């Protein structure tokens, strides 16, 4: 691994205070937390770029999903909330 480089950027004072508070609570220094945050951000962006590339590749090959199938897929991921008393009454009246 190459030696660490020093960079600088502007950040709101409130965020620095919050960062320092978390660093104290975790018995870490600010630099450690910032390195973890950057590593996490880069991982997320790398996954996002890979998913976009995968989607573009699928689209170019005609592998798409129509609106109704997409709605059904998303609906299967979400548990339906039980209706509230007022909502149940309104449904039985209509």
PDB file of N, CA and C in Angstrom:
ATOM      1  N   UNK A   1       0.843  -1.187   0.000  1.00  0.00           N
ATOM      2  CA  UNK A   1       0.000   0.000   0.000  1.00  0.00           C
ATOM      3  C   UNK A   1       0.879   1.239   0.000  1.00  0.00           C
ATOM      4  N   UNK A   2       0.489   2.229  -0.789  1.00  0.00           N
ATOM      5  CA  UNK A   2       1.266   3.461  -0.839  1.00  0.00           C
ATOM      6  C   UNK A   2       1.044   4.287   0.418  1.00  0.00           C
ATOM      7  N   UNK A   3       1.913   5.237   0.628  1.00  0.00           N
ATOM      8  CA  UNK A   3       1.792   6.049   1.843  1.00  0.00           C
ATOM      9  C   UNK A   3       0.602   6.998   1.723  1.00  0.00           C
ATOM     10  N   UNK A   4      -0.050   7.267   2.850  1.00  0.00           N
ATOM     11  CA  UNK A   4      -1.226   8.138   2.831  1.00  0.00           C
ATOM     12  C   UNK A   4      -0.880   9.547   2.351  1.00  0.00           C
ATOM     13  N   UNK A   5      -1.838  10.168   1.694  1.00  0.00           N
ATOM     14  CA  UNK A   5      -1.662  11.549   1.234  1.00  0.00           C
ATOM     15  C   UNK A   5      -2.582  12.445   2.047  1.00  0.00           C
ATOM     16  N   UNK A   6      -2.180  13.654   2.200  1.00  0.00           N
ATOM     17  CA  UNK A   6      -2.985  14.641   2.913  1.00  0.00           C
ATOM     18  C   UNK A   6      -3.806  15.413   1.880  1.00  0.00           C
ATOM     19  N   UNK A   7      -5.110  15.509   2.135  1.00  0.00           N
ATOM     20  CA  UNK A   7      -5.990  16.341   1.314  1.00  0.00           C
ATOM     21  C   UNK A   7      -6.740  17.265   2.243  1.00  0.00           C
ATOM     22  N   UNK A   8      -7.351  18.291   1.675  1.00  0.00           N
ATOM     23  CA  UNK A   8      -8.173  19.179   2.509  1.00  0.00           C
ATOM     24  C   UNK A   8      -9.436  19.529   1.744  1.00  0.00           C
ATOM     25  N   UNK A   9     -10.492  19.838   2.491  1.00  0.00           N
ATOM     26  CA  UNK A   9     -11.747  20.274   1.899  1.00  0.00           C
ATOM     27  C   UNK A   9     -12.508  21.074   2.938  1.00  0.00           C
ATOM     28  N   UNK A  10     -13.500  21.813   2.464  1.00  0.00           N
ATOM     29  CA  UNK A  10     -14.304  22.629   3.374  1.00  0.00           C
ATOM     30  C   UNK A  10     -15.466  21.796   3.899  1.00  0.00           C
ATOM     31  N   UNK A  11     -15.777  22.019   5.166  1.00  0.00           N
ATOM     32  CA  UNK A  11     -16.893  21.312   5.795  1.00  0.00           C
ATOM     33  C   UNK A  11     -17.506  22.245   6.840  1.00  0.00           C
ATOM     34  N   UNK A  12     -18.804  22.148   6.988  1.00  0.00           N
ATOM     35  CA  UNK A  12     -19.515  23.004   7.944  1.00  0.00           C
ATOM     36  C   UNK A  12     -19.031  22.722   9.367  1.00  0.00           C
ATOM     37  N   UNK A  13     -18.895  23.766  10.165  1.00  0.00           N
ATOM     38  CA  UNK A  13     -18.429  23.604  11.548  1.00  0.00           C
ATOM     39  C   UNK A  13     -19.273  22.620  12.357  1.00  0.00           C
ATOM     40  N   UNK A  14     -20.598  22.595  12.090  1.00  0.00           N
ATOM     41  CA  UNK A  14     -21.474  21.675  12.835  1.00  0.00           C
ATOM     42  C   UNK A  14     -21.086  20.223  12.554  1.00  0.00           C
ATOM     43  N   UNK A  15     -20.704  19.954  11.325  1.00  0.00           N
ATOM     44  CA  UNK A  15     -20.323  18.587  10.968  1.00  0.00           C
ATOM     45  C   UNK A  15     -18.998  18.208  11.614  1.00  0.00           C
ATOM     46  N   UNK A  16     -18.103  19.160  11.712  1.00  0.00           N
ATOM     47  CA  UNK A  16     -16.828  18.882  12.383  1.00  0.00           C
ATOM     48  C   UNK A  16     -17.091  18.562  13.847  1.00  0.00           C
ATOM     49  N   UNK A  17     -17.964  19.328  14.473  1.00  0.00           N
ATOM     50  CA  UNK A  17     -18.293  19.093  15.883  1.00  0.00           C
ATOM     51  C   UNK A  17     -18.927  17.716  16.054  1.00  0.00           C
ATOM     52  N   UNK A  18     -19.833  17.358  15.143  1.00  0.00           N
ATOM     53  CA  UNK A  18     -20.485  16.052  15.224  1.00  0.00           C
ATOM     54  C   UNK A  18     -19.473  14.933  15.002  1.00  0.00           C
ATOM     55  N   UNK A  19     -18.602  15.125  14.028  1.00  0.00           N
ATOM     56  CA  UNK A  19     -17.543  14.148  13.750  1.00  0.00           C
ATOM     57  C   UNK A  19     -16.648  13.957  14.971  1.00  0.00           C
ATOM     58  N   UNK A  20     -16.247  15.056  15.585  1.00  0.00           N
ATOM     59  CA  UNK A  20     -15.396  14.976  16.773  1.00  0.00           C
ATOM     60  C   UNK A  20     -16.112  14.285  17.933  1.00  0.00           C
ATOM     61  N   UNK A  21     -17.397  14.550  18.066  1.00  0.00           N
ATOM     62  CA  UNK A  21     -18.177  13.907  19.128  1.00  0.00           C
ATOM     63  C   UNK A  21     -18.221  12.394  18.927  1.00  0.00           C
ATOM     64  N   UNK A  22     -18.466  11.961  17.701  1.00  0.00           N
ATOM     65  CA  UNK A  22     -18.495  10.529  17.405  1.00  0.00           C
ATOM     66  C   UNK A  22     -17.112   9.921  17.598  1.00  0.00           C
ATOM     67  N   UNK A  23     -16.088  10.639  17.166  1.00  0.00           N
ATOM     68  CA  UNK A  23     -14.715  10.145  17.324  1.00  0.00           C
ATOM     69  C   UNK A  23     -14.389   9.914  18.797  1.00  0.00           C
ATOM     70  N   UNK A  24     -14.782  10.866  19.646  1.00  0.00           N
ATOM     71  CA  UNK A  24     -14.539  10.698  21.089  1.00  0.00           C
ATOM     72  C   UNK A  24     -15.296   9.492  21.627  1.00  0.00           C
ATOM     73  N   UNK A  25     -16.558   9.348  21.213  1.00  0.00           N
ATOM     74  CA  UNK A  25     -17.383   8.245  21.703  1.00  0.00           C
ATOM     75  C   UNK A  25     -16.813   6.887  21.291  1.00  0.00           C
ATOM     76  N   UNK A  26     -16.181   6.841  20.120  1.00  0.00           N
ATOM     77  CA  UNK A  26     -15.607   5.585  19.619  1.00  0.00           C
ATOM     78  C   UNK A  26     -14.130   5.428  19.947  1.00  0.00           C
ATOM     79  N   UNK A  27     -13.581   6.426  20.640  1.00  0.00           N
ATOM     80  CA  UNK A  27     -12.156   6.447  20.982  1.00  0.00           C
ATOM     81  C   UNK A  27     -11.291   6.312  19.717  1.00  0.00           C
ATOM     82  N   UNK A  28     -11.663   7.065  18.717  1.00  0.00           N
ATOM     83  CA  UNK A  28     -10.935   7.114  17.440  1.00  0.00           C
ATOM     84  C   UNK A  28     -10.618   8.566  17.134  1.00  0.00           C
ATOM     85  N   UNK A  29      -9.747   8.781  16.159  1.00  0.00           N
ATOM     86  CA  UNK A  29      -9.494  10.159  15.764  1.00  0.00           C
ATOM     87  C   UNK A  29     -10.308  10.509  14.518  1.00  0.00           C
ATOM     88  N   UNK A  30     -10.377  11.784  14.244  1.00  0.00           N
ATOM     89  CA  UNK A  30     -11.151  12.290  13.111  1.00  0.00           C
ATOM     90  C   UNK A  30     -10.688  11.660  11.802  1.00  0.00           C
ATOM     91  N   UNK A  31      -9.411  11.527  11.634  1.00  0.00           N
ATOM     92  CA  UNK A  31      -8.854  10.966  10.402  1.00  0.00           C
ATOM     93  C   UNK A  31      -9.343   9.536  10.170  1.00  0.00           C
ATOM     94  N   UNK A  32      -9.395   8.749  11.230  1.00  0.00           N
ATOM     95  CA  UNK A  32      -9.863   7.364  11.111  1.00  0.00           C
ATOM     96  C   UNK A  32     -11.316   7.334  10.617  1.00  0.00           C
ATOM     97  N   UNK A  33     -12.173   8.163  11.228  1.00  0.00           N
ATOM     98  CA  UNK A  33     -13.576   8.194  10.823  1.00  0.00           C
ATOM     99  C   UNK A  33     -13.735   8.674   9.387  1.00  0.00           C
ATOM    100  N   UNK A  34     -12.966   9.675   8.999  1.00  0.00           N
ATOM    101  CA  UNK A  34     -13.060  10.174   7.632  1.00  0.00           C
ATOM    102  C   UNK A  34     -12.597   9.122   6.630  1.00  0.00           C
ATOM    103  N   UNK A  35     -11.554   8.389   6.963  1.00  0.00           N
ATOM    104  CA  UNK A  35     -11.104   7.309   6.076  1.00  0.00           C
ATOM    105  C   UNK A  35     -12.165   6.231   5.939  1.00  0.00           C
ATOM    106  N   UNK A  36     -12.830   5.873   7.035  1.00  0.00           N
ATOM    107  CA  UNK A  36     -13.917   4.892   6.976  1.00  0.00           C
ATOM    108  C   UNK A  36     -15.077   5.417   6.126  1.00  0.00           C
ATOM    109  N   UNK A  37     -15.399   6.687   6.296  1.00  0.00           N
ATOM    110  CA  UNK A  37     -16.507   7.289   5.544  1.00  0.00           C
ATOM    111  C   UNK A  37     -16.195   7.311   4.046  1.00  0.00           C
ATOM    112  N   UNK A  38     -14.989   7.675   3.690  1.00  0.00           N
ATOM    113  CA  UNK A  38     -14.602   7.711   2.275  1.00  0.00           C
ATOM    114  C   UNK A  38     -14.614   6.305   1.690  1.00  0.00           C
ATOM    115  N   UNK A  39     -14.100   5.333   2.423  1.00  0.00           N
ATOM    116  CA  UNK A  39     -14.089   3.944   1.937  1.00  0.00           C
ATOM    117  C   UNK A  39     -15.519   3.458   1.710  1.00  0.00           C
ATOM    118  N   UNK A  40     -16.419   3.760   2.634  1.00  0.00           N
ATOM    119  CA  UNK A  40     -17.821   3.360   2.508  1.00  0.00           C
ATOM    120  C   UNK A  40     -18.461   4.040   1.304  1.00  0.00           C
ATOM    121  N   UNK A  41     -18.214   5.318   1.135  1.00  0.00           N
ATOM    122  CA  UNK A  41     -18.762   6.064   0.006  1.00  0.00           C
ATOM    123  C   UNK A  41     -18.266   5.481  -1.314  1.00  0.00           C
ATOM    124  N   UNK A  42     -16.987   5.202  -1.406  1.00  0.00           N
ATOM    125  CA  UNK A  42     -16.431   4.652  -2.642  1.00  0.00           C
ATOM    126  C   UNK A  42     -17.020   3.279  -2.948  1.00  0.00           C
ATOM    127  N   UNK A  43     -17.213   2.449  -1.929  1.00  0.00           N
ATOM    128  CA  UNK A  43     -17.854   1.138  -2.132  1.00  0.00           C
ATOM    129  C   UNK A  43     -19.269   1.307  -2.684  1.00  0.00           C
ATOM    130  N   UNK A  44     -20.032   2.223  -2.098  1.00  0.00           N
ATOM    131  CA  UNK A  44     -21.404   2.458  -2.559  1.00  0.00           C
ATOM    132  C   UNK A  44     -21.418   2.941  -4.008  1.00  0.00           C
ATOM    133  N   UNK A  45     -20.545   3.866  -4.326  1.00  0.00           N
ATOM    134  CA  UNK A  45     -20.499   4.393  -5.689  1.00  0.00           C
ATOM    135  C   UNK A  45     -20.051   3.334  -6.685  1.00  0.00           C
ATOM    136  N   UNK A  46     -19.111   2.495  -6.290  1.00  0.00           N
ATOM    137  CA  UNK A  46     -18.639   1.407  -7.155  1.00  0.00           C
ATOM    138  C   UNK A  46     -19.791   0.451  -7.460  1.00  0.00           C
ATOM    139  N   UNK A  47     -20.572   0.090  -6.436  1.00  0.00           N
ATOM    140  CA  UNK A  47     -21.731  -0.788  -6.641  1.00  0.00           C
ATOM    141  C   UNK A  47     -22.779  -0.120  -7.519  1.00  0.00           C
ATOM    142  N   UNK A  48     -23.014   1.168  -7.308  1.00  0.00           N
ATOM    143  CA  UNK A  48     -23.985   1.898  -8.105  1.00  0.00           C
ATOM    144  C   UNK A  48     -23.577   1.915  -9.577  1.00  0.00           C
ATOM    145  N   UNK A  49     -22.332   2.227  -9.853  1.00  0.00           N
ATOM    146  CA  UNK A  49     -21.837   2.262 -11.235  1.00  0.00           C
ATOM    147  C   UNK A  49     -21.972   0.880 -11.870  1.00  0.00           C
ATOM    148  N   UNK A  50     -21.655  -0.163 -11.123  1.00  0.00           N
ATOM    149  CA  UNK A  50     -21.773  -1.528 -11.655  1.00  0.00           C
ATOM    150  C   UNK A  50     -23.226  -1.850 -11.988  1.00  0.00           C
ATOM    151  N   UNK A  51     -24.162  -1.438 -11.126  1.00  0.00           N
ATOM    152  CA  UNK A  51     -25.577  -1.696 -11.388  1.00  0.00           C
ATOM    153  C   UNK A  51     -26.070  -0.921 -12.610  1.00  0.00           C
ATOM    154  N   UNK A  52     -25.619   0.310 -12.758  1.00  0.00           N
ATOM    155  CA  UNK A  52     -26.007   1.104 -13.927  1.00  0.00           C
ATOM    156  C   UNK A  52     -25.481   0.444 -15.193  1.00  0.00           C
ATOM    157  N   UNK A  53     -24.215   0.017 -15.172  1.00  0.00           N
ATOM    158  CA  UNK A  53     -23.646  -0.659 -16.340  1.00  0.00           C
ATOM    159  C   UNK A  53     -24.414  -1.941 -16.658  1.00  0.00           C
ATOM    160  N   UNK A  54     -24.759  -2.693 -15.630  1.00  0.00           N
ATOM    161  CA  UNK A  54     -25.526  -3.931 -15.815  1.00  0.00           C
ATOM    162  C   UNK A  54     -26.890  -3.624 -16.430  1.00  0.00           C
ATOM    163  N   UNK A  55     -27.544  -2.566 -15.947  1.00  0.00           N
ATOM    164  CA  UNK A  55     -28.837  -2.174 -16.482  1.00  0.00           C
ATOM    165  C   UNK A  55     -28.753  -1.720 -17.931  1.00  0.00           C
ATOM    166  N   UNK A  56     -27.722  -0.949 -18.249  1.00  0.00           N
ATOM    167  CA  UNK A  56     -27.539  -0.504 -19.632  1.00  0.00           C
ATOM    168  C   UNK A  56     -27.281  -1.693 -20.557  1.00  0.00           C
ATOM    169  N   UNK A  57     -26.465  -2.618 -20.098  1.00  0.00           N
ATOM    170  CA  UNK A  57     -26.168  -3.822 -20.881  1.00  0.00           C
ATOM    171  C   UNK A  57     -27.450  -4.630 -21.116  1.00  0.00           C
ATOM    172  N   UNK A  58     -28.247  -4.801 -20.070  1.00  0.00           N
ATOM    173  CA  UNK A  58     -29.502  -5.540 -20.196  1.00  0.00           C
ATOM    174  C   UNK A  58     -30.442  -4.835 -21.163  1.00  0.00           C
ATOM    175  N   UNK A  59     -30.513  -3.512 -21.068  1.00  0.00           N
ATOM    176  CA  UNK A  59     -31.385  -2.734 -21.944  1.00  0.00           C
ATOM    177  C   UNK A  59     -30.957  -2.878 -23.408  1.00  0.00           C
ATOM    178  N   UNK A  60     -29.667  -2.802 -23.654  1.00  0.00           N
ATOM    179  CA  UNK A  60     -29.158  -2.956 -25.029  1.00  0.00           C
ATOM    180  C   UNK A  60     -29.479  -4.334 -25.595  1.00  0.00           C
ATOM    181  N   UNK A  61     -29.605  -5.330 -24.720  1.00  0.00           N
ATOM    182  CA  UNK A  61     -29.919  -6.695 -25.149  1.00  0.00           C
ATOM    183  C   UNK A  61     -31.408  -6.996 -25.098  1.00  0.00           C
ATOM    184  N   UNK A  62     -32.215  -5.945 -24.922  1.00  0.00           N
ATOM    185  CA  UNK A  62     -33.658  -6.117 -24.943  1.00  0.00           C
ATOM    186  C   UNK A  62     -34.248  -6.729 -23.692  1.00  0.00           C
ATOM    187  N   UNK A  63     -33.496  -6.804 -22.636  1.00  0.00           N
ATOM    188  CA  UNK A  63     -33.995  -7.379 -21.382  1.00  0.00           C
ATOM    189  C   UNK A  63     -34.551  -6.252 -20.506  1.00  0.00           C
ATOM    190  N   UNK A  64     -35.805  -5.902 -20.770  1.00  0.00           N
ATOM    191  CA  UNK A  64     -36.446  -4.830 -20.013  1.00  0.00           C
ATOM    192  C   UNK A  64     -37.689  -5.369 -19.313  1.00  0.00           C
ATOM    193  N   UNK A  65     -38.228  -4.569 -18.416  1.00  0.00           N
ATOM    194  CA  UNK A  65     -39.417  -4.947 -17.652  1.00  0.00           C
ATOM    195  C   UNK A  65     -40.471  -3.880 -17.895  1.00  0.00           C
ATOM    196  N   UNK A  66     -41.709  -4.290 -18.221  1.00  0.00           N
ATOM    197  CA  UNK A  66     -42.755  -3.289 -18.441  1.00  0.00           C
ATOM    198  C   UNK A  66     -43.257  -2.757 -17.096  1.00  0.00           C
ATOM    199  N   UNK A  67     -44.013  -1.668 -17.159  1.00  0.00           N
ATOM    200  CA  UNK A  67     -44.477  -0.974 -15.945  1.00  0.00           C
ATOM    201  C   UNK A  67     -45.263  -1.870 -15.004  1.00  0.00           C
ATOM    202  N   UNK A  68     -46.166  -2.666 -15.542  1.00  0.00           N
ATOM    203  CA  UNK A  68     -47.008  -3.510 -14.687  1.00  0.00           C
ATOM    204  C   UNK A  68     -46.177  -4.552 -13.946  1.00  0.00           C
ATOM    205  N   UNK A  69     -45.226  -5.176 -14.660  1.00  0.00           N
ATOM    206  CA  UNK A  69     -44.368  -6.164 -14.004  1.00  0.00           C
ATOM    207  C   UNK A  69     -43.491  -5.508 -12.943  1.00  0.00           C
ATOM    208  N   UNK A  70     -43.024  -4.294 -13.241  1.00  0.00           N
ATOM    209  CA  UNK A  70     -42.204  -3.575 -12.273  1.00  0.00           C
ATOM    210  C   UNK A  70     -43.025  -3.230 -11.030  1.00  0.00           C
ATOM    211  N   UNK A  71     -44.238  -2.762 -11.231  1.00  0.00           N
ATOM    212  CA  UNK A  71     -45.116  -2.455 -10.087  1.00  0.00           C
ATOM    213  C   UNK A  71     -45.349  -3.697  -9.236  1.00  0.00           C
ATOM    214  N   UNK A  72     -45.590  -4.827  -9.894  1.00  0.00           N
ATOM    215  CA  UNK A  72     -45.827  -6.076  -9.164  1.00  0.00           C
ATOM    216  C   UNK A  72     -44.575  -6.496  -8.391  1.00  0.00           C
ATOM    217  N   UNK A  73     -43.419  -6.326  -9.023  1.00  0.00           N
ATOM    218  CA  UNK A  73     -42.159  -6.700  -8.360  1.00  0.00           C
ATOM    219  C   UNK A  73     -41.938  -5.837  -7.122  1.00  0.00           C
ATOM    220  N   UNK A  74     -42.106  -4.533  -7.265  1.00  0.00           N
ATOM    221  CA  UNK A  74     -41.913  -3.624  -6.133  1.00  0.00           C
ATOM    222  C   UNK A  74     -42.954  -3.901  -5.052  1.00  0.00           C
ATOM    223  N   UNK A  75     -44.188  -4.159  -5.469  1.00  0.00           N
ATOM    224  CA  UNK A  75     -45.247  -4.482  -4.507  1.00  0.00           C
ATOM    225  C   UNK A  75     -44.937  -5.721  -3.693  1.00  0.00           C
ATOM    226  N   UNK A  76     -44.230  -6.673  -4.299  1.00  0.00           N
ATOM    227  CA  UNK A  76     -43.892  -7.902  -3.571  1.00  0.00           C
ATOM    228  C   UNK A  76     -42.842  -7.664  -2.498  1.00  0.00           C
ATOM    229  N   UNK A  77     -42.131  -6.551  -2.605  1.00  0.00           N
ATOM    230  CA  UNK A  77     -41.087  -6.239  -1.622  1.00  0.00           C
ATOM    231  C   UNK A  77     -41.645  -5.524  -0.404  1.00  0.00           C
ATOM    232  N   UNK A  78     -42.815  -4.955  -0.538  1.00  0.00           N
ATOM    233  CA  UNK A  78     -43.390  -4.124   0.516  1.00  0.00           C
ATOM    234  C   UNK A  78     -44.552  -4.860   1.156  1.00  0.00           C
ATOM    235  N   UNK A  79     -44.511  -4.943   2.466  1.00  0.00           N
ATOM    236  CA  UNK A  79     -45.638  -5.542   3.181  1.00  0.00           C
ATOM    237  C   UNK A  79     -46.768  -4.535   3.233  1.00  0.00           C
ATOM    238  N   UNK A  80     -47.968  -5.011   2.973  1.00  0.00           N
ATOM    239  CA  UNK A  80     -49.127  -4.124   3.043  1.00  0.00           C
ATOM    240  C   UNK A  80     -49.386  -3.765   4.499  1.00  0.00           C
ATOM    241  N   UNK A  81     -49.644  -2.490   4.732  1.00  0.00           N
ATOM    242  CA  UNK A  81     -49.977  -2.044   6.083  1.00  0.00           C
ATOM    243  C   UNK A  81     -51.412  -2.440   6.372  1.00  0.00           C
ATOM    244  N   UNK A  82     -51.689  -2.892   7.589  1.00  0.00           N
ATOM    245  CA  UNK A  82     -53.081  -3.186   7.929  1.00  0.00           C
ATOM    246  C   UNK A  82     -53.887  -1.887   7.886  1.00  0.00           C
ATOM    247  N   UNK A  83     -55.106  -1.976   7.411  1.00  0.00           N
ATOM    248  CA  UNK A  83     -55.952  -0.793   7.329  1.00  0.00           C
ATOM    249  C   UNK A  83     -56.345  -0.322   8.723  1.00  0.00           C
ATOM    250  N   UNK A  84     -56.416   0.991   8.878  1.00  0.00           N
ATOM    251  CA  UNK A  84     -56.899   1.560  10.136  1.00  0.00           C
ATOM    252  C   UNK A  84     -58.413   1.415  10.189  1.00  0.00           C
ATOM    253  N   UNK A  85     -58.949   1.584  11.363  1.00  0.00           N
ATOM    254  CA  UNK A  85     -60.390   1.409  11.569  1.00  0.00           C
ATOM    255  C   UNK A  85     -61.190   2.290  10.600  1.00  0.00           C
ATOM    256  N   UNK A  86     -60.819   3.570  10.463  1.00  0.00           N
ATOM    257  CA  UNK A  86     -61.524   4.495   9.585  1.00  0.00           C
ATOM    258  C   UNK A  86     -61.437   4.015   8.127  1.00  0.00           C
ATOM    259  N   UNK A  87     -60.273   3.520   7.716  1.00  0.00           N
ATOM    260  CA  UNK A  87     -60.082   3.060   6.340  1.00  0.00           C
ATOM    261  C   UNK A  87     -60.922   1.815   6.067  1.00  0.00           C
ATOM    262  N   UNK A  88     -61.008   0.911   7.051  1.00  0.00           N
ATOM    263  CA  UNK A  88     -61.834  -0.286   6.877  1.00  0.00           C
ATOM    264  C   UNK A  88     -63.298   0.107   6.704  1.00  0.00           C
ATOM    265  N   UNK A  89     -63.783   1.029   7.527  1.00  0.00           N
ATOM    266  CA  UNK A  89     -65.169   1.470   7.444  1.00  0.00           C
ATOM    267  C   UNK A  89     -65.439   2.127   6.089  1.00  0.00           C
ATOM    268  N   UNK A  90     -64.508   2.948   5.629  1.00  0.00           N
ATOM    269  CA  UNK A  90     -64.680   3.636   4.348  1.00  0.00           C
ATOM    270  C   UNK A  90     -64.734   2.626   3.203  1.00  0.00           C
ATOM    271  N   UNK A  91     -63.947   1.580   3.280  1.00  0.00           N
ATOM    272  CA  UNK A  91     -63.938   0.564   2.229  1.00  0.00           C
ATOM    273  C   UNK A  91     -65.219  -0.246   2.211  1.00  0.00           C
ATOM    274  N   UNK A  92     -65.784  -0.505   3.379  1.00  0.00           N
ATOM    275  CA  UNK A  92     -67.005  -1.310   3.434  1.00  0.00           C
ATOM    276  C   UNK A  92     -68.203  -0.504   2.938  1.00  0.00           C
ATOM    277  N   UNK A  93     -68.137   0.822   3.064  1.00  0.00           N
ATOM    278  CA  UNK A  93     -69.239   1.691   2.597  1.00  0.00           C
ATOM    279  C   UNK A  93     -69.234   1.839   1.086  1.00  0.00           C
ATOM    280  N   UNK A  94     -68.073   1.765   0.449  1.00  0.00           N
ATOM    281  CA  UNK A  94     -68.009   2.009  -0.998  1.00  0.00           C
ATOM    282  C   UNK A  94     -68.245   0.790  -1.825  1.00  0.00           C
TER     283      UNK A  94
END
